[in-house]
Each structure stands twice: as structure tokens, then as C-alpha cells.
C-alpha atoms as a PDB file:
ATOM      1  CA  MET A   1      96.529  81.075 104.572  1.00  0.00           C
ATOM      2  CA  ARG A   2      99.915  81.469 106.273  1.00  0.00           C
ATOM      3  CA  ALA A   3     100.908  77.906 105.363  1.00  0.00           C
ATOM      4  CA  ILE A   4      99.903  78.488 101.746  1.00  0.00           C
ATOM      5  CA  SER A   5     101.898  81.734 101.706  1.00  0.00           C
ATOM      6  CA  ILE A   6     105.032  80.026 103.047  1.00  0.00           C
ATOM      7  CA  ILE A   7     104.895  77.259 100.442  1.00  0.00           C
ATOM      8  CA  PHE A   8     104.054  79.778  97.714  1.00  0.00           C
ATOM      9  CA  LYS A   9     107.101  81.928  98.506  1.00  0.00           C
ATOM     10  CA  ARG A  10     109.410  78.916  98.686  1.00  0.00           C
ATOM     11  CA  GLU A  11     108.255  77.512  95.365  1.00  0.00           C
ATOM     12  CA  LEU A  12     108.236  80.859  93.572  1.00  0.00           C
ATOM     13  CA  GLN A  13     111.794  81.529  94.739  1.00  0.00           C
ATOM     14  CA  SER A  14     112.826  78.140  93.372  1.00  0.00           C
ATOM     15  CA  TYR A  15     111.440  79.163  89.967  1.00  0.00           C
ATOM     16  CA  VAL A  16     112.911  82.653  89.958  1.00  0.00           C
ATOM     17  CA  ARG A  17     116.337  81.741  91.333  1.00  0.00           C
ATOM     18  CA  SER A  18     116.780  78.559  89.341  1.00  0.00           C
ATOM     19  CA  PRO A  19     118.410  78.963  85.915  1.00  0.00           C
ATOM     20  CA  ILE A  20     116.483  75.888  84.760  1.00  0.00           C
ATOM     21  CA  GLY A  21     113.165  77.703  85.129  1.00  0.00           C
ATOM     22  CA  TRP A  22     114.362  80.652  83.046  1.00  0.00           C
ATOM     23  CA  VAL A  23     115.994  78.388  80.459  1.00  0.00           C
ATOM     24  CA  VAL A  24     112.711  76.513  80.018  1.00  0.00           C
ATOM     25  CA  ALA A  25     110.831  79.828  79.789  1.00  0.00           C
ATOM     26  CA  ALA A  26     113.318  81.143  77.205  1.00  0.00           C
ATOM     27  CA  LEU A  27     113.050  77.974  75.113  1.00  0.00           C
ATOM     28  CA  LEU A  28     109.257  78.119  75.162  1.00  0.00           C
ATOM     29  CA  LEU A  29     109.285  81.793  74.139  1.00  0.00           C
ATOM     30  CA  LEU A  30     111.813  81.017  71.394  1.00  0.00           C
ATOM     31  CA  ALA A  31     109.686  78.157  70.041  1.00  0.00           C
ATOM     32  CA  GLN A  32     106.587  80.337  70.263  1.00  0.00           C
ATOM     33  CA  GLY A  33     108.320  83.132  68.319  1.00  0.00           C
ATOM     34  CA  ILE A  34     109.687  80.775  65.648  1.00  0.00           C
ATOM     35  CA  PHE A  35     106.352  79.073  64.996  1.00  0.00           C
ATOM     36  CA  PHE A  36     104.567  82.419  65.025  1.00  0.00           C
ATOM     37  CA  GLN A  37     107.001  83.861  62.507  1.00  0.00           C
ATOM     38  CA  ALA A  38     106.932  80.783  60.279  1.00  0.00           C
ATOM     39  CA  TRP A  39     103.196  80.125  60.306  1.00  0.00           C
ATOM     40  CA  ALA A  40     101.187  83.143  61.429  1.00  0.00           C
ATOM     41  CA  LEU A  41     103.093  85.781  59.460  1.00  0.00           C
ATOM     42  CA  ARG A  42     103.374  83.979  56.139  1.00  0.00           C
ATOM     43  CA  GLY A  43     101.974  85.923  53.190  1.00  0.00           C
ATOM     44  CA  GLU A  44      99.465  88.760  53.244  1.00  0.00           C
ATOM     45  CA  GLN A  45      96.950  88.164  56.030  1.00  0.00           C
ATOM     46  CA  LEU A  46      94.298  90.160  57.843  1.00  0.00           C
ATOM     47  CA  SER A  47      95.451  91.336  61.273  1.00  0.00           C
ATOM     48  CA  ALA A  48      92.601  89.486  62.997  1.00  0.00           C
ATOM     49  CA  LEU A  49      93.673  86.214  61.356  1.00  0.00           C
ATOM     50  CA  VAL A  50      97.311  86.791  62.337  1.00  0.00           C
ATOM     51  CA  LEU A  51      96.198  87.357  65.932  1.00  0.00           C
ATOM     52  CA  GLU A  52      94.131  84.153  65.876  1.00  0.00           C
ATOM     53  CA  ARG A  53      97.151  82.223  64.665  1.00  0.00           C
ATOM     54  CA  PHE A  54      99.285  83.790  67.376  1.00  0.00           C
ATOM     55  CA  PHE A  55      96.911  82.549  70.057  1.00  0.00           C
ATOM     56  CA  PHE A  56      96.732  79.156  68.338  1.00  0.00           C
ATOM     57  CA  VAL A  57     100.513  78.794  68.630  1.00  0.00           C
ATOM     58  CA  SER A  58     100.581  80.317  72.120  1.00  0.00           C
ATOM     59  CA  SER A  59      97.980  77.866  73.445  1.00  0.00           C
ATOM     60  CA  PHE A  60     100.389  74.983  72.820  1.00  0.00           C
ATOM     61  CA  ALA A  61     103.148  76.926  74.583  1.00  0.00           C
ATOM     62  CA  ALA A  62     100.841  77.626  77.554  1.00  0.00           C
ATOM     63  CA  GLY A  63      99.806  73.966  77.791  1.00  0.00           C
ATOM     64  CA  ALA A  64     103.398  72.754  77.585  1.00  0.00           C
ATOM     65  CA  ALA A  65     104.526  75.331  80.145  1.00  0.00           C
ATOM     66  CA  GLY A  66     101.755  74.260  82.511  1.00  0.00           C
ATOM     67  CA  LEU A  67     102.927  70.644  82.439  1.00  0.00           C
ATOM     68  CA  ILE A  68     106.651  71.456  82.587  1.00  0.00           C
ATOM     69  CA  PHE A  69     106.245  73.821  85.537  1.00  0.00           C
ATOM     70  CA  SER A  70     104.071  71.417  87.552  1.00  0.00           C
ATOM     71  CA  PHE A  71     105.003  67.782  86.902  1.00  0.00           C
ATOM     72  CA  ARG A  72     107.873  67.842  89.408  1.00  0.00           C
ATOM     73  CA  LEU A  73     106.140  69.758  92.213  1.00  0.00           C
ATOM     74  CA  ILE A  74     104.979  66.791  94.282  1.00  0.00           C
ATOM     75  CA  ALA A  75     106.901  63.914  92.682  1.00  0.00           C
ATOM     76  CA  GLU A  76     110.182  65.678  93.497  1.00  0.00           C
ATOM     77  CA  GLU A  77     109.181  66.004  97.157  1.00  0.00           C
ATOM     78  CA  ARG A  78     108.651  62.248  97.311  1.00  0.00           C
ATOM     79  CA  GLN A  79     111.849  61.555  95.413  1.00  0.00           C
ATOM     80  CA  ASN A  80     113.862  63.695  97.854  1.00  0.00           C
ATOM     81  CA  HIS A  81     111.939  62.277 100.851  1.00  0.00           C
ATOM     82  CA  SER A  82     110.975  65.819 101.877  1.00  0.00           C
ATOM     83  CA  MET A  83     107.281  64.936 101.647  1.00  0.00           C
ATOM     84  CA  ILE A  84     107.691  63.168 104.985  1.00  0.00           C
ATOM     85  CA  LEU A  85     108.646  66.480 106.586  1.00  0.00           C
ATOM     86  CA  LEU A  86     105.623  68.185 105.069  1.00  0.00           C
ATOM     87  CA  ASN A  87     103.319  65.407 106.237  1.00  0.00           C
ATOM     88  CA  THR A  88     104.610  65.609 109.803  1.00  0.00           C
ATOM     89  CA  SER A  89     104.331  69.403 109.940  1.00  0.00           C
ATOM     90  CA  PRO A  90     101.128  71.324 110.797  1.00  0.00           C
ATOM     91  CA  ILE A  91     100.385  71.783 107.086  1.00  0.00           C
ATOM     92  CA  ARG A  92      97.339  70.312 105.426  1.00  0.00           C
ATOM     93  CA  ASP A  93      97.442  68.650 102.024  1.00  0.00           C
ATOM     94  CA  HIS A  94      95.405  71.403 100.381  1.00  0.00           C
ATOM     95  CA  HIS A  95      97.927  73.949 101.686  1.00  0.00           C
ATOM     96  CA  ILE A  96     100.694  72.077  99.847  1.00  0.00           C
ATOM     97  CA  VAL A  97      98.731  71.814  96.611  1.00  0.00           C
ATOM     98  CA  LEU A  98      97.489  75.405  96.580  1.00  0.00           C
ATOM     99  CA  GLY A  99     100.827  76.926  97.576  1.00  0.00           C
ATOM    100  CA  LYS A 100     102.677  75.073  94.832  1.00  0.00           C
ATOM    101  CA  PHE A 101      99.917  75.703  92.286  1.00  0.00           C
ATOM    102  CA  PHE A 102      99.813  79.467  92.834  1.00  0.00           C
ATOM    103  CA  ALA A 103     103.613  79.682  92.629  1.00  0.00           C
ATOM    104  CA  ALA A 104     103.636  77.829  89.295  1.00  0.00           C
ATOM    105  CA  LEU A 105     100.697  79.918  88.059  1.00  0.00           C
ATOM    106  CA  THR A 106     102.564  83.133  88.942  1.00  0.00           C
ATOM    107  CA  PHE A 107     105.630  82.031  86.981  1.00  0.00           C
ATOM    108  CA  LEU A 108     103.406  80.995  84.061  1.00  0.00           C
ATOM    109  CA  THR A 109     101.812  84.459  84.148  1.00  0.00           C
ATOM    110  CA  ILE A 110     105.277  86.031  83.921  1.00  0.00           C
ATOM    111  CA  LEU A 111     105.931  83.902  80.842  1.00  0.00           C
ATOM    112  CA  LEU A 112     102.671  85.060  79.237  1.00  0.00           C
ATOM    113  CA  VAL A 113     103.460  88.707  79.978  1.00  0.00           C
ATOM    114  CA  LEU A 114     106.880  88.339  78.339  1.00  0.00           C
ATOM    115  CA  SER A 115     105.173  87.240  75.110  1.00  0.00           C
ATOM    116  CA  LEU A 116     102.866  90.260  75.027  1.00  0.00           C
ATOM    117  CA  TYR A 117     105.104  92.170  72.633  1.00  0.00           C
ATOM    118  CA  MET A 118     104.028  89.934  69.731  1.00  0.00           C
ATOM    119  CA  PRO A 119     100.292  90.813  69.707  1.00  0.00           C
ATOM    120  CA  LEU A 120     101.206  94.447  70.448  1.00  0.00           C
ATOM    121  CA  LEU A 121     103.281  94.481  67.249  1.00  0.00           C
ATOM    122  CA  ILE A 122     100.242  93.142  65.391  1.00  0.00           C
ATOM    123  CA  LYS A 123      98.118  95.917  66.907  1.00  0.00           C
ATOM    124  CA  VAL A 124     100.614  98.611  65.897  1.00  0.00           C
ATOM    125  CA  ASN A 125     100.796  97.378  62.309  1.00  0.00           C
ATOM    126  CA  GLY A 126      97.180  96.286  61.872  1.00  0.00           C
ATOM    127  CA  LYS A 127      93.592  96.740  62.957  1.00  0.00           C
ATOM    128  CA  ILE A 128      92.833  94.767  66.106  1.00  0.00           C
ATOM    129  CA  SER A 129      91.418  95.900  69.425  1.00  0.00           C
ATOM    130  CA  GLY A 130      92.877  95.681  72.882  1.00  0.00           C
ATOM    131  CA  ALA A 131      89.799  93.679  73.892  1.00  0.00           C
ATOM    132  CA  GLN A 132      90.738  90.917  71.430  1.00  0.00           C
ATOM    133  CA  ILE A 133      94.210  90.712  72.950  1.00  0.00           C
ATOM    134  CA  PHE A 134      92.798  90.681  76.490  1.00  0.00           C
ATOM    135  CA  VAL A 135      90.300  87.899  75.739  1.00  0.00           C
ATOM    136  CA  GLY A 136      92.988  85.814  74.049  1.00  0.00           C
ATOM    137  CA  TYR A 137      95.367  86.167  76.977  1.00  0.00           C
ATOM    138  CA  LEU A 138      92.580  85.397  79.423  1.00  0.00           C
ATOM    139  CA  GLY A 139      92.070  82.156  77.519  1.00  0.00           C
ATOM    140  CA  LEU A 140      95.808  81.393  77.615  1.00  0.00           C
ATOM    141  CA  PHE A 141      95.850  82.049  81.363  1.00  0.00           C
ATOM    142  CA  LEU A 142      92.855  79.791  82.036  1.00  0.00           C
ATOM    143  CA  PHE A 143      94.103  77.028  79.736  1.00  0.00           C
ATOM    144  CA  GLY A 144      97.535  77.244  81.362  1.00  0.00           C
ATOM    145  CA  ALA A 145      95.917  77.012  84.802  1.00  0.00           C
ATOM    146  CA  VAL A 146      94.094  73.818  83.805  1.00  0.00           C
ATOM    147  CA  SER A 147      97.363  72.395  82.439  1.00  0.00           C
ATOM    148  CA  LEU A 148      99.068  73.202  85.742  1.00  0.00           C
ATOM    149  CA  ALA A 149      96.293  71.483  87.693  1.00  0.00           C
ATOM    150  CA  ILE A 150      96.536  68.398  85.463  1.00  0.00           C
ATOM    151  CA  GLY A 151     100.307  68.370  85.940  1.00  0.00           C
ATOM    152  CA  MET A 152      99.922  68.613  89.713  1.00  0.00           C
ATOM    153  CA  PHE A 153      97.448  65.754  89.762  1.00  0.00           C
ATOM    154  CA  SER A 154      99.773  63.545  87.714  1.00  0.00           C
ATOM    155  CA  SER A 155     102.661  64.580  89.994  1.00  0.00           C
ATOM    156  CA  SER A 156     100.678  63.478  93.038  1.00  0.00           C
ATOM    157  CA  LEU A 157     100.245  59.976  91.610  1.00  0.00           C
ATOM    158  CA  THR A 158     103.899  58.922  91.509  1.00  0.00           C
ATOM    159  CA  ARG A 159     107.384  59.726  92.746  1.00  0.00           C
ATOM    160  CA  SER A 160     108.785  59.368  89.207  1.00  0.00           C
ATOM    161  CA  GLN A 161     108.986  62.787  87.560  1.00  0.00           C
ATOM    162  CA  PHE A 162     109.228  61.276  84.075  1.00  0.00           C
ATOM    163  CA  LEU A 163     106.099  59.189  84.644  1.00  0.00           C
ATOM    164  CA  ALA A 164     104.281  62.223  86.069  1.00  0.00           C
ATOM    165  CA  LEU A 165     105.135  64.233  82.940  1.00  0.00           C
ATOM    166  CA  PHE A 166     104.005  61.371  80.698  1.00  0.00           C
ATOM    167  CA  VAL A 167     100.671  60.909  82.505  1.00  0.00           C
ATOM    168  CA  GLY A 168     100.037  64.660  82.502  1.00  0.00           C
ATOM    169  CA  ALA A 169     100.806  64.945  78.787  1.00  0.00           C
ATOM    170  CA  VAL A 170      98.482  62.036  77.940  1.00  0.00           C
ATOM    171  CA  LEU A 171      95.650  63.531  80.012  1.00  0.00           C
ATOM    172  CA  LEU A 172      96.074  66.961  78.443  1.00  0.00           C
ATOM    173  CA  ILE A 173      96.223  65.595  74.887  1.00  0.00           C
ATOM    174  CA  VAL A 174      93.175  63.361  75.380  1.00  0.00           C
ATOM    175  CA  LEU A 175      91.090  66.053  77.087  1.00  0.00           C
ATOM    176  CA  GLY A 176      92.176  68.589  74.482  1.00  0.00           C
ATOM    177  CA  ASN A 177      91.014  66.409  71.598  1.00  0.00           C
ATOM    178  CA  ILE A 178      87.781  64.912  72.950  1.00  0.00           C
ATOM    179  CA  TYR A 179      85.835  67.185  70.590  1.00  0.00           C
ATOM    180  CA  GLN A 180      87.416  65.447  67.604  1.00  0.00           C
ATOM    181  CA  LEU A 181      86.869  61.988  69.078  1.00  0.00           C
ATOM    182  CA  ALA A 182      83.251  62.779  69.934  1.00  0.00           C
ATOM    183  CA  GLY A 183      82.479  63.281  66.243  1.00  0.00           C
ATOM    184  CA  LYS A 184      82.359  59.501  65.856  1.00  0.00           C
ATOM    185  CA  LEU A 185      79.696  59.109  68.545  1.00  0.00           C
ATOM    186  CA  ASP A 186      75.926  59.368  68.208  1.00  0.00           C
ATOM    187  CA  ALA A 187      73.748  62.039  69.784  1.00  0.00           C
ATOM    188  CA  PRO A 188      73.033  62.770  72.598  1.00  0.00           C
ATOM    189  CA  VAL A 189      76.236  61.158  73.911  1.00  0.00           C
ATOM    190  CA  ARG A 190      78.243  63.129  71.355  1.00  0.00           C
ATOM    191  CA  ASP A 191      76.889  66.454  72.628  1.00  0.00           C
ATOM    192  CA  VAL A 192      77.759  65.621  76.245  1.00  0.00           C
ATOM    193  CA  VAL A 193      81.282  64.413  75.413  1.00  0.00           C
ATOM    194  CA  GLU A 194      81.988  67.465  73.237  1.00  0.00           C
ATOM    195  CA  GLN A 195      81.305  69.783  76.146  1.00  0.00           C
ATOM    196  CA  SER A 196      84.104  68.210  78.202  1.00  0.00           C
ATOM    197  CA  ASP A 197      86.725  69.185  75.607  1.00  0.00           C
ATOM    198  CA  LEU A 198      89.494  71.498  76.849  1.00  0.00           C
ATOM    199  CA  TRP A 199      90.687  73.070  73.605  1.00  0.00           C
ATOM    200  CA  TRP A 200      88.595  72.672  70.459  1.00  0.00           C
ATOM    201  CA  ALA A 201      85.223  73.444  72.027  1.00  0.00           C
ATOM    202  CA  ARG A 202      86.538  76.124  74.393  1.00  0.00           C
ATOM    203  CA  PHE A 203      89.722  77.914  73.403  1.00  0.00           C
ATOM    204  CA  GLN A 204      89.669  77.467  69.633  1.00  0.00           C
ATOM    205  CA  SER A 205      86.031  78.481  69.179  1.00  0.00           C
ATOM    206  CA  SER A 206      86.004  81.475  71.519  1.00  0.00           C
ATOM    207  CA  PHE A 207      89.129  82.860  73.211  1.00  0.00           C
ATOM    208  CA  MET A 208      91.326  82.416  70.136  1.00  0.00           C
ATOM    209  CA  ARG A 209      88.862  84.477  68.096  1.00  0.00           C
ATOM    210  CA  GLY A 210      88.471  87.217  70.716  1.00  0.00           C
ATOM    211  CA  ILE A 211      85.038  85.991  71.842  1.00  0.00           C
ATOM    212  CA  LEU A 212      84.396  85.932  75.580  1.00  0.00           C
ATOM    213  CA  ASN A 213      81.884  83.313  76.745  1.00  0.00           C
ATOM    214  CA  LEU A 214      81.189  83.176  80.455  1.00  0.00           C
ATOM    215  CA  LYS A 215      80.437  79.446  80.266  1.00  0.00           C
ATOM    216  CA  ASP A 216      83.961  78.801  78.954  1.00  0.00           C
ATOM    217  CA  VAL A 217      85.501  80.785  81.819  1.00  0.00           C
ATOM    218  CA  ILE A 218      83.427  78.845  84.344  1.00  0.00           C
ATOM    219  CA  PHE A 219      84.349  75.563  82.646  1.00  0.00           C
ATOM    220  CA  TYR A 220      88.093  76.244  82.878  1.00  0.00           C
ATOM    221  CA  ILE A 221      87.819  77.333  86.514  1.00  0.00           C
ATOM    222  CA  GLY A 222      85.768  74.236  87.307  1.00  0.00           C
ATOM    223  CA  MET A 223      88.255  71.900  85.591  1.00  0.00           C
ATOM    224  CA  THR A 224      91.146  73.554  87.434  1.00  0.00           C
ATOM    225  CA  TYR A 225      89.347  73.064  90.742  1.00  0.00           C
ATOM    226  CA  PHE A 226      88.510  69.444  89.838  1.00  0.00           C
ATOM    227  CA  PHE A 227      92.119  68.412  89.140  1.00  0.00           C
ATOM    228  CA  LEU A 228      93.447  70.292  92.157  1.00  0.00           C
ATOM    229  CA  LEU A 229      90.865  68.483  94.275  1.00  0.00           C
ATOM    230  CA  LEU A 230      92.024  65.166  92.792  1.00  0.00           C
ATOM    231  CA  ALA A 231      95.604  66.077  93.707  1.00  0.00           C
ATOM    232  CA  VAL A 232      94.575  66.858  97.291  1.00  0.00           C
ATOM    233  CA  LYS A 233      92.592  63.637  97.646  1.00  0.00           C
ATOM    234  CA  THR A 234      95.503  61.641  96.203  1.00  0.00           C
ATOM    235  CA  LEU A 235      97.872  63.166  98.759  1.00  0.00           C
ATOM    236  CA  GLU A 236      95.419  62.408 101.551  1.00  0.00           C
ATOM    237  CA  ALA A 237      95.145  58.791 100.421  1.00  0.00           C
ATOM    238  CA  LYS A 238      98.909  58.360 100.164  1.00  0.00           C
ATOM    239  CA  ARG A 239      99.487  59.974 103.561  1.00  0.00           C
ATOM    240  CA  TRP A 240      98.022  56.903 105.263  1.00  0.00           C
ATOM    241  CA  GLN A 241      99.714  54.299 103.100  1.00  0.00           C
END
């Protein structure tokens, strides 16, 4: 735990102290606000529908933030040759992955909190419950965590940050649209493939609408664990190359 804590503090400080991290966060919040204003608030709409559209827009911001905050975490270490120092220190590969992941997840959480004023404005001017807002943000947090884990896995594959971002984006887009692709398959294969979808079958059908399904929470946690485990195993394999 001490090794994880050391890496966590170092990475979180790099996010907080770096102007790049805050610039990226500001740009994502700006894009989120613009799309929300242009799409979710157009015309006369029920408050519940406006909130759904807010979470629809915010899910793309959370996914993008997850990739942007994580694609460099391991690739940059290799690029700067500092991974050699980590490998020769008494730090295990899972310490590296978890420390960096929790730091990125903390900064992503800060970004989500900063956007909270938008659904609160909807609540003040309309009829929605705090539970709907909580469930939606829980979904954003879990979806962002999966995006971070995917970004970390792609970052562990290569020393090129651009390639890591590209691989992570492809994985996230494919896994987020499997539900649509599965529609062309026959049962029972279609039913199995649909359940592996990250967005349509999970976020869009439940969290975005204020519906909390325990199976969706477990699915997101399991997918996060799966990609973090892949990142750890990739680091272990590359350590001996």
C-alpha cells in the first residue's frame, strides 16, 4: 500500500500542478457546456429529458477524459526511460498500475464535480430528484473508470503516446458500440455479444435515465478490473523482454 500511495501522490501532483491537465479539463468542460446548451436545452423540454440529454453529452466527456488522462501514464515512462528505474526499485507492477490509475481517477472525479452545477440548475428550474442526479453521476464515474483502465492498458502496450491514444480510442469506440453491431447477429450469439457493450446496453439504458441496476455496476467494476489486470500482465511480460 505504501508503494501505491507514493505513486498516487506523485501522479496526482503532476495533474494538479501541470497547467496542461487543467487546460484539458477546462476544454472538456467548455465542450460539455456548449453541447449541453446547444442540444439539451433547445426548445421546451421536460426536465427529466433535459437531464437525460445532459448525461448523454457528459458520458462522451467522461470517456474522452478517461483516455486523455491515462494514455500517457505508462508510455511516457518508457519514452523518458524512467520505467527502468521503476522496474529496478522494490515496486511491483500492480503498484505502478494502481497508483497511476487512482491518481487519474481522482482527477477525473474533480472534473465531474466541477460539472455538477449544470444538473443542479436543471433541478432548481424543473422537477427532478437528487437520486436521478446521483445515479447519473455514478454512471459517469464508472464509465470514466473503465475508460481510464482501457487507456492504461493501451499505454502499457507501447512507448508511443500517440499510438496508445489511438489504440485506446479504438477499443473504447468498439466496446461502446457492440450493442449496435450485435443487432446483425443471430440469437443466442447476439444476446451474449450485447451484454459486453459498454455504453448502449449499460449507460444509455439505465444510468442516463436515473435507473440503478446492480448488474450494470458490477459489469463496469469487472471491466475496469479486467483492463487493469491486462495492463499489469503486459508490464510483467515486458519487464523480462
